[in-house]
Amino acid sequence: AVSTCVNCNGHSFEVVLFTPIGDSRKLSMVQCSN
């Protein structure tokens, strides 16, 4: 199976770190790299 982005039909994904609003810890999120 090939994973596909529901928004742009891309097939590449990446892990990014982000800090939610009002929080001090970083979380890991998988997002479409396109």
ModelCIF file with pLDDT and N, C-alpha, C, O atoms, coordinates in Angstrom:
data_MODEL
#
_entry.id   MODEL 
#
_entity.id                         1 
_entity.type                       polymer 
_entity.pdbx_number_of_molecules   1 
#
_entity_poly.entity_id                      1 
_entity_poly.type                           'polypeptide(L)' 
_entity_poly.nstd_linkage                   no 
_entity_poly.nstd_monomer                   no 
_entity_poly.pdbx_seq_one_letter_code       AVSTCVNCNGHSFEVVLFTPIGDSRKLSMVQCSN 
_entity_poly.pdbx_seq_one_letter_code_can   AVSTCVNCNGHSFEVVLFTPIGDSRKLSMVQCSN 
_entity_poly.pdbx_strand_id                 A 
#
loop_
_entity_poly_seq.entity_id 
_entity_poly_seq.num 
_entity_poly_seq.mon_id 
_entity_poly_seq.hetero 
1 1  ALA n 
1 2  VAL n 
1 3  SER n 
1 4  THR n 
1 5  CYS n 
1 6  VAL n 
1 7  ASN n 
1 8  CYS n 
1 9  ASN n 
1 10 GLY n 
1 11 HIS n 
1 12 SER n 
1 13 PHE n 
1 14 GLU n 
1 15 VAL n 
1 16 VAL n 
1 17 LEU n 
1 18 PHE n 
1 19 THR n 
1 20 PRO n 
1 21 ILE n 
1 22 GLY n 
1 23 ASP n 
1 24 SER n 
1 25 ARG n 
1 26 LYS n 
1 27 LEU n 
1 28 SER n 
1 29 MET n 
1 30 VAL n 
1 31 GLN n 
1 32 CYS n 
1 33 SER n 
1 34 ASN n 
#
_struct_asym.id          A 
_struct_asym.entity_id   1 
#
loop_
_ma_qa_metric.id 
_ma_qa_metric.mode 
_ma_qa_metric.name 
_ma_qa_metric.software_group_id 
_ma_qa_metric.type 
1 global pLDDT . pLDDT 
2 local  pLDDT . pLDDT 
#
_ma_qa_metric_global.metric_id      1 
_ma_qa_metric_global.metric_value   90.29 
_ma_qa_metric_global.model_id       1 
_ma_qa_metric_global.ordinal_id     1 
#
loop_
_ma_qa_metric_local.label_asym_id 
_ma_qa_metric_local.label_comp_id 
_ma_qa_metric_local.label_seq_id 
_ma_qa_metric_local.metric_id 
_ma_qa_metric_local.metric_value 
_ma_qa_metric_local.model_id 
_ma_qa_metric_local.ordinal_id 
A ALA 1  2 85.00 1 1  
A VAL 2  2 88.00 1 2  
A SER 3  2 90.00 1 3  
A THR 4  2 93.00 1 4  
A CYS 5  2 94.00 1 5  
A VAL 6  2 93.00 1 6  
A ASN 7  2 95.00 1 7  
A CYS 8  2 96.00 1 8  
A ASN 9  2 94.00 1 9  
A GLY 10 2 93.00 1 10 
A HIS 11 2 93.00 1 11 
A SER 12 2 94.00 1 12 
A PHE 13 2 94.00 1 13 
A GLU 14 2 93.00 1 14 
A VAL 15 2 88.00 1 15 
A VAL 16 2 89.00 1 16 
A LEU 17 2 87.00 1 17 
A PHE 18 2 86.00 1 18 
A THR 19 2 88.00 1 19 
A PRO 20 2 86.00 1 20 
A ILE 21 2 92.00 1 21 
A GLY 22 2 91.00 1 22 
A ASP 23 2 86.00 1 23 
A SER 24 2 85.00 1 24 
A ARG 25 2 83.00 1 25 
A LYS 26 2 82.00 1 26 
A LEU 27 2 84.00 1 27 
A SER 28 2 85.00 1 28 
A MET 29 2 90.00 1 29 
A VAL 30 2 93.00 1 30 
A GLN 31 2 95.00 1 31 
A CYS 32 2 96.00 1 32 
A SER 33 2 94.00 1 33 
A ASN 34 2 95.00 1 34 
#
loop_
_atom_site.group_PDB 
_atom_site.id 
_atom_site.type_symbol 
_atom_site.label_atom_id 
_atom_site.label_alt_id 
_atom_site.label_comp_id 
_atom_site.label_asym_id 
_atom_site.label_entity_id 
_atom_site.label_seq_id 
_atom_site.pdbx_PDB_ins_code 
_atom_site.Cartn_x 
_atom_site.Cartn_y 
_atom_site.Cartn_z 
_atom_site.occupancy 
_atom_site.B_iso_or_equiv 
_atom_site.pdbx_formal_charge 
_atom_site.auth_seq_id 
_atom_site.auth_comp_id 
_atom_site.auth_asym_id 
_atom_site.auth_atom_id 
_atom_site.pdbx_PDB_model_num 
ATOM 1   N N  . ALA A 1 1  ? 0.849  -1.182 0.000  1.00 85.00 ? 1  ALA A N  1 
ATOM 2   C CA . ALA A 1 1  ? 0.000  0.000  0.000  1.00 85.00 ? 1  ALA A CA 1 
ATOM 3   C C  . ALA A 1 1  ? 0.889  1.239  0.000  1.00 85.00 ? 1  ALA A C  1 
ATOM 4   O O  . ALA A 1 1  ? 1.975  1.229  0.580  1.00 85.00 ? 1  ALA A O  1 
ATOM 5   N N  . VAL A 1 2  ? 0.434  2.289  -0.641 1.00 88.00 ? 2  VAL A N  1 
ATOM 6   C CA . VAL A 1 2  ? 1.173  3.544  -0.688 1.00 88.00 ? 2  VAL A CA 1 
ATOM 7   C C  . VAL A 1 2  ? 0.377  4.586  0.092  1.00 88.00 ? 2  VAL A C  1 
ATOM 8   O O  . VAL A 1 2  ? -0.773 4.874  -0.240 1.00 88.00 ? 2  VAL A O  1 
ATOM 9   N N  . SER A 1 3  ? 0.991  5.148  1.126  1.00 90.00 ? 3  SER A N  1 
ATOM 10  C CA . SER A 1 3  ? 0.327  6.193  1.902  1.00 90.00 ? 3  SER A CA 1 
ATOM 11  C C  . SER A 1 3  ? 0.189  7.444  1.047  1.00 90.00 ? 3  SER A C  1 
ATOM 12  O O  . SER A 1 3  ? 1.118  7.837  0.342  1.00 90.00 ? 3  SER A O  1 
ATOM 13  N N  . THR A 1 4  ? -0.977 8.058  1.120  1.00 93.00 ? 4  THR A N  1 
ATOM 14  C CA . THR A 1 4  ? -1.270 9.235  0.295  1.00 93.00 ? 4  THR A CA 1 
ATOM 15  C C  . THR A 1 4  ? -1.866 10.333 1.163  1.00 93.00 ? 4  THR A C  1 
ATOM 16  O O  . THR A 1 4  ? -2.751 10.080 1.980  1.00 93.00 ? 4  THR A O  1 
ATOM 17  N N  . CYS A 1 5  ? -1.377 11.548 0.981  1.00 94.00 ? 5  CYS A N  1 
ATOM 18  C CA . CYS A 1 5  ? -1.905 12.708 1.699  1.00 94.00 ? 5  CYS A CA 1 
ATOM 19  C C  . CYS A 1 5  ? -3.331 12.978 1.223  1.00 94.00 ? 5  CYS A C  1 
ATOM 20  O O  . CYS A 1 5  ? -3.604 12.968 0.022  1.00 94.00 ? 5  CYS A O  1 
ATOM 21  N N  . VAL A 1 6  ? -4.232 13.216 2.165  1.00 93.00 ? 6  VAL A N  1 
ATOM 22  C CA . VAL A 1 6  ? -5.628 13.476 1.807  1.00 93.00 ? 6  VAL A CA 1 
ATOM 23  C C  . VAL A 1 6  ? -5.815 14.864 1.191  1.00 93.00 ? 6  VAL A C  1 
ATOM 24  O O  . VAL A 1 6  ? -6.824 15.117 0.534  1.00 93.00 ? 6  VAL A O  1 
ATOM 25  N N  . ASN A 1 7  ? -4.855 15.756 1.397  1.00 95.00 ? 7  ASN A N  1 
ATOM 26  C CA . ASN A 1 7  ? -4.983 17.125 0.900  1.00 95.00 ? 7  ASN A CA 1 
ATOM 27  C C  . ASN A 1 7  ? -4.411 17.300 -0.509 1.00 95.00 ? 7  ASN A C  1 
ATOM 28  O O  . ASN A 1 7  ? -5.072 17.866 -1.380 1.00 95.00 ? 7  ASN A O  1 
ATOM 29  N N  . CYS A 1 8  ? -3.175 16.813 -0.738 1.00 96.00 ? 8  CYS A N  1 
ATOM 30  C CA . CYS A 1 8  ? -2.506 17.079 -2.026 1.00 96.00 ? 8  CYS A CA 1 
ATOM 31  C C  . CYS A 1 8  ? -2.161 15.812 -2.812 1.00 96.00 ? 8  CYS A C  1 
ATOM 32  O O  . CYS A 1 8  ? -1.579 15.896 -3.893 1.00 96.00 ? 8  CYS A O  1 
ATOM 33  N N  . ASN A 1 9  ? -2.516 14.642 -2.278 1.00 94.00 ? 9  ASN A N  1 
ATOM 34  C CA . ASN A 1 9  ? -2.205 13.344 -2.901 1.00 94.00 ? 9  ASN A CA 1 
ATOM 35  C C  . ASN A 1 9  ? -0.715 13.051 -2.958 1.00 94.00 ? 9  ASN A C  1 
ATOM 36  O O  . ASN A 1 9  ? -0.284 12.213 -3.750 1.00 94.00 ? 9  ASN A O  1 
ATOM 37  N N  . GLY A 1 10 ? 0.086  13.729 -2.127 1.00 93.00 ? 10 GLY A N  1 
ATOM 38  C CA . GLY A 1 10 ? 1.521  13.466 -2.056 1.00 93.00 ? 10 GLY A CA 1 
ATOM 39  C C  . GLY A 1 10 ? 1.810  12.140 -1.376 1.00 93.00 ? 10 GLY A C  1 
ATOM 40  O O  . GLY A 1 10 ? 0.943  11.565 -0.718 1.00 93.00 ? 10 GLY A O  1 
ATOM 41  N N  . HIS A 1 11 ? 3.048  11.654 -1.542 1.00 93.00 ? 11 HIS A N  1 
ATOM 42  C CA . HIS A 1 11 ? 3.432  10.359 -0.981 1.00 93.00 ? 11 HIS A CA 1 
ATOM 43  C C  . HIS A 1 11 ? 4.660  10.459 -0.081 1.00 93.00 ? 11 HIS A C  1 
ATOM 44  O O  . HIS A 1 11 ? 5.210  9.428  0.308  1.00 93.00 ? 11 HIS A O  1 
ATOM 45  N N  . SER A 1 12 ? 5.100  11.650 0.257  1.00 94.00 ? 12 SER A N  1 
ATOM 46  C CA . SER A 1 12 ? 6.275  11.833 1.119  1.00 94.00 ? 12 SER A CA 1 
ATOM 47  C C  . SER A 1 12 ? 5.840  12.460 2.435  1.00 94.00 ? 12 SER A C  1 
ATOM 48  O O  . SER A 1 12 ? 5.047  13.402 2.459  1.00 94.00 ? 12 SER A O  1 
ATOM 49  N N  . PHE A 1 13 ? 6.373  11.921 3.531  1.00 94.00 ? 13 PHE A N  1 
ATOM 50  C CA . PHE A 1 13 ? 5.998  12.404 4.846  1.00 94.00 ? 13 PHE A CA 1 
ATOM 51  C C  . PHE A 1 13 ? 7.247  12.639 5.673  1.00 94.00 ? 13 PHE A C  1 
ATOM 52  O O  . PHE A 1 13 ? 8.297  12.052 5.408  1.00 94.00 ? 13 PHE A O  1 
ATOM 53  N N  . GLU A 1 14 ? 7.130  13.502 6.678  1.00 93.00 ? 14 GLU A N  1 
ATOM 54  C CA . GLU A 1 14 ? 8.269  13.832 7.527  1.00 93.00 ? 14 GLU A CA 1 
ATOM 55  C C  . GLU A 1 14 ? 7.808  13.985 8.961  1.00 93.00 ? 14 GLU A C  1 
ATOM 56  O O  . GLU A 1 14 ? 6.633  14.241 9.226  1.00 93.00 ? 14 GLU A O  1 
ATOM 57  N N  . VAL A 1 15 ? 8.749  13.825 9.889  1.00 88.00 ? 15 VAL A N  1 
ATOM 58  C CA . VAL A 1 15 ? 8.470  14.038 11.307 1.00 88.00 ? 15 VAL A CA 1 
ATOM 59  C C  . VAL A 1 15 ? 9.018  15.406 11.678 1.00 88.00 ? 15 VAL A C  1 
ATOM 60  O O  . VAL A 1 15 ? 10.181 15.710 11.412 1.00 88.00 ? 15 VAL A O  1 
ATOM 61  N N  . VAL A 1 16 ? 8.180  16.229 12.293 1.00 89.00 ? 16 VAL A N  1 
ATOM 62  C CA . VAL A 1 16 ? 8.595  17.564 12.715 1.00 89.00 ? 16 VAL A CA 1 
ATOM 63  C C  . VAL A 1 16 ? 8.277  17.737 14.196 1.00 89.00 ? 16 VAL A C  1 
ATOM 64  O O  . VAL A 1 16 ? 7.334  17.139 14.713 1.00 89.00 ? 16 VAL A O  1 
ATOM 65  N N  . LEU A 1 17 ? 9.068  18.555 14.866 1.00 87.00 ? 17 LEU A N  1 
ATOM 66  C CA . LEU A 1 17 ? 8.814  18.893 16.258 1.00 87.00 ? 17 LEU A CA 1 
ATOM 67  C C  . LEU A 1 17 ? 8.072  20.218 16.309 1.00 87.00 ? 17 LEU A C  1 
ATOM 68  O O  . LEU A 1 17 ? 8.399  21.139 15.561 1.00 87.00 ? 17 LEU A O  1 
ATOM 69  N N  . PHE A 1 18 ? 7.084  20.325 17.175 1.00 86.00 ? 18 PHE A N  1 
ATOM 70  C CA . PHE A 1 18 ? 6.384  21.589 17.345 1.00 86.00 ? 18 PHE A CA 1 
ATOM 71  C C  . PHE A 1 18 ? 5.971  21.734 18.795 1.00 86.00 ? 18 PHE A C  1 
ATOM 72  O O  . PHE A 1 18 ? 5.883  20.750 19.530 1.00 86.00 ? 18 PHE A O  1 
ATOM 73  N N  . THR A 1 19 ? 5.717  22.968 19.202 1.00 88.00 ? 19 THR A N  1 
ATOM 74  C CA . THR A 1 19 ? 5.269  23.281 20.557 1.00 88.00 ? 19 THR A CA 1 
ATOM 75  C C  . THR A 1 19 ? 3.837  23.795 20.474 1.00 88.00 ? 19 THR A C  1 
ATOM 76  O O  . THR A 1 19 ? 3.594  24.831 19.855 1.00 88.00 ? 19 THR A O  1 
ATOM 77  N N  . PRO A 1 20 ? 2.877  23.090 21.089 1.00 86.00 ? 20 PRO A N  1 
ATOM 78  C CA . PRO A 1 20 ? 1.491  23.561 21.060 1.00 86.00 ? 20 PRO A CA 1 
ATOM 79  C C  . PRO A 1 20 ? 1.355  24.913 21.777 1.00 86.00 ? 20 PRO A C  1 
ATOM 80  O O  . PRO A 1 20 ? 2.116  25.212 22.698 1.00 86.00 ? 20 PRO A O  1 
ATOM 81  N N  . ILE A 1 21 ? 0.404  25.705 21.358 1.00 92.00 ? 21 ILE A N  1 
ATOM 82  C CA . ILE A 1 21 ? 0.147  27.011 21.988 1.00 92.00 ? 21 ILE A CA 1 
ATOM 83  C C  . ILE A 1 21 ? -0.188 26.789 23.461 1.00 92.00 ? 21 ILE A C  1 
ATOM 84  O O  . ILE A 1 21 ? -1.028 25.955 23.798 1.00 92.00 ? 21 ILE A O  1 
ATOM 85  N N  . GLY A 1 22 ? 0.479  27.543 24.331 1.00 91.00 ? 22 GLY A N  1 
ATOM 86  C CA . GLY A 1 22 ? 0.231  27.446 25.756 1.00 91.00 ? 22 GLY A CA 1 
ATOM 87  C C  . GLY A 1 22 ? 0.934  26.295 26.440 1.00 91.00 ? 22 GLY A C  1 
ATOM 88  O O  . GLY A 1 22 ? 0.653  26.004 27.603 1.00 91.00 ? 22 GLY A O  1 
ATOM 89  N N  . ASP A 1 23 ? 1.853  25.626 25.736 1.00 86.00 ? 23 ASP A N  1 
ATOM 90  C CA . ASP A 1 23 ? 2.574  24.492 26.306 1.00 86.00 ? 23 ASP A CA 1 
ATOM 91  C C  . ASP A 1 23 ? 4.069  24.710 26.114 1.00 86.00 ? 23 ASP A C  1 
ATOM 92  O O  . ASP A 1 23 ? 4.479  25.440 25.212 1.00 86.00 ? 23 ASP A O  1 
ATOM 93  N N  . SER A 1 24 ? 4.869  24.094 26.942 1.00 85.00 ? 24 SER A N  1 
ATOM 94  C CA . SER A 1 24 ? 6.318  24.269 26.801 1.00 85.00 ? 24 SER A CA 1 
ATOM 95  C C  . SER A 1 24 ? 7.010  23.031 26.257 1.00 85.00 ? 24 SER A C  1 
ATOM 96  O O  . SER A 1 24 ? 8.194  23.085 25.924 1.00 85.00 ? 24 SER A O  1 
ATOM 97  N N  . ARG A 1 25 ? 6.301  21.927 26.161 1.00 83.00 ? 25 ARG A N  1 
ATOM 98  C CA . ARG A 1 25 ? 6.938  20.692 25.671 1.00 83.00 ? 25 ARG A CA 1 
ATOM 99  C C  . ARG A 1 25 ? 6.800  20.582 24.159 1.00 83.00 ? 25 ARG A C  1 
ATOM 100 O O  . ARG A 1 25 ? 5.850  21.087 23.561 1.00 83.00 ? 25 ARG A O  1 
ATOM 101 N N  . LYS A 1 26 ? 7.766  19.915 23.566 1.00 82.00 ? 26 LYS A N  1 
ATOM 102 C CA . LYS A 1 26 ? 7.739  19.690 22.122 1.00 82.00 ? 26 LYS A CA 1 
ATOM 103 C C  . LYS A 1 26 ? 7.096  18.336 21.832 1.00 82.00 ? 26 LYS A C  1 
ATOM 104 O O  . LYS A 1 26 ? 7.329  17.359 22.544 1.00 82.00 ? 26 LYS A O  1 
ATOM 105 N N  . LEU A 1 27 ? 6.292  18.296 20.787 1.00 84.00 ? 27 LEU A N  1 
ATOM 106 C CA . LEU A 1 27 ? 5.652  17.061 20.353 1.00 84.00 ? 27 LEU A CA 1 
ATOM 107 C C  . LEU A 1 27 ? 6.132  16.718 18.952 1.00 84.00 ? 27 LEU A C  1 
ATOM 108 O O  . LEU A 1 27 ? 6.544  17.595 18.193 1.00 84.00 ? 27 LEU A O  1 
ATOM 109 N N  . SER A 1 28 ? 6.076  15.450 18.620 1.00 85.00 ? 28 SER A N  1 
ATOM 110 C CA . SER A 1 28 ? 6.447  14.990 17.284 1.00 85.00 ? 28 SER A CA 1 
ATOM 111 C C  . SER A 1 28 ? 5.182  14.778 16.466 1.00 85.00 ? 28 SER A C  1 
ATOM 112 O O  . SER A 1 28 ? 4.248  14.105 16.903 1.00 85.00 ? 28 SER A O  1 
ATOM 113 N N  . MET A 1 29 ? 5.168  15.363 15.269 1.00 90.00 ? 29 MET A N  1 
ATOM 114 C CA . MET A 1 29 ? 4.014  15.250 14.397 1.00 90.00 ? 29 MET A CA 1 
ATOM 115 C C  . MET A 1 29 ? 4.478  14.738 13.034 1.00 90.00 ? 29 MET A C  1 
ATOM 116 O O  . MET A 1 29 ? 5.518  15.161 12.529 1.00 90.00 ? 29 MET A O  1 
ATOM 117 N N  . VAL A 1 30 ? 3.710  13.834 12.449 1.00 93.00 ? 30 VAL A N  1 
ATOM 118 C CA . VAL A 1 30 ? 3.961  13.381 11.078 1.00 93.00 ? 30 VAL A CA 1 
ATOM 119 C C  . VAL A 1 30 ? 3.122  14.265 10.172 1.00 93.00 ? 30 VAL A C  1 
ATOM 120 O O  . VAL A 1 30 ? 1.921  14.435 10.382 1.00 93.00 ? 30 VAL A O  1 
ATOM 121 N N  . GLN A 1 31 ? 3.780  14.829 9.154  1.00 95.00 ? 31 GLN A N  1 
ATOM 122 C CA . GLN A 1 31 ? 3.059  15.705 8.227  1.00 95.00 ? 31 GLN A CA 1 
ATOM 123 C C  . GLN A 1 31 ? 3.489  15.407 6.801  1.00 95.00 ? 31 GLN A C  1 
ATOM 124 O O  . GLN A 1 31 ? 4.551  14.834 6.562  1.00 95.00 ? 31 GLN A O  1 
ATOM 125 N N  . CYS A 1 32 ? 2.649  15.805 5.862  1.00 96.00 ? 32 CYS A N  1 
ATOM 126 C CA . CYS A 1 32 ? 2.981  15.678 4.442  1.00 96.00 ? 32 CYS A CA 1 
ATOM 127 C C  . CYS A 1 32 ? 4.150  16.620 4.157  1.00 96.00 ? 32 CYS A C  1 
ATOM 128 O O  . CYS A 1 32 ? 4.094  17.803 4.493  1.00 96.00 ? 32 CYS A O  1 
ATOM 129 N N  . SER A 1 33 ? 5.201  16.098 3.543  1.00 94.00 ? 33 SER A N  1 
ATOM 130 C CA . SER A 1 33 ? 6.356  16.956 3.270  1.00 94.00 ? 33 SER A CA 1 
ATOM 131 C C  . SER A 1 33 ? 6.103  17.890 2.092  1.00 94.00 ? 33 SER A C  1 
ATOM 132 O O  . SER A 1 33 ? 6.878  18.819 1.867  1.00 94.00 ? 33 SER A O  1 
ATOM 133 N N  . ASN A 1 34 ? 5.044  17.660 1.345  1.00 95.00 ? 34 ASN A N  1 
ATOM 134 C CA . ASN A 1 34 ? 4.720  18.526 0.214  1.00 95.00 ? 34 ASN A CA 1 
ATOM 135 C C  . ASN A 1 34 ? 3.888  19.740 0.644  1.00 95.00 ? 34 ASN A C  1 
ATOM 136 O O  . ASN A 1 34 ? 3.531  20.570 -0.191 1.00 95.00 ? 34 ASN A O  1 
#
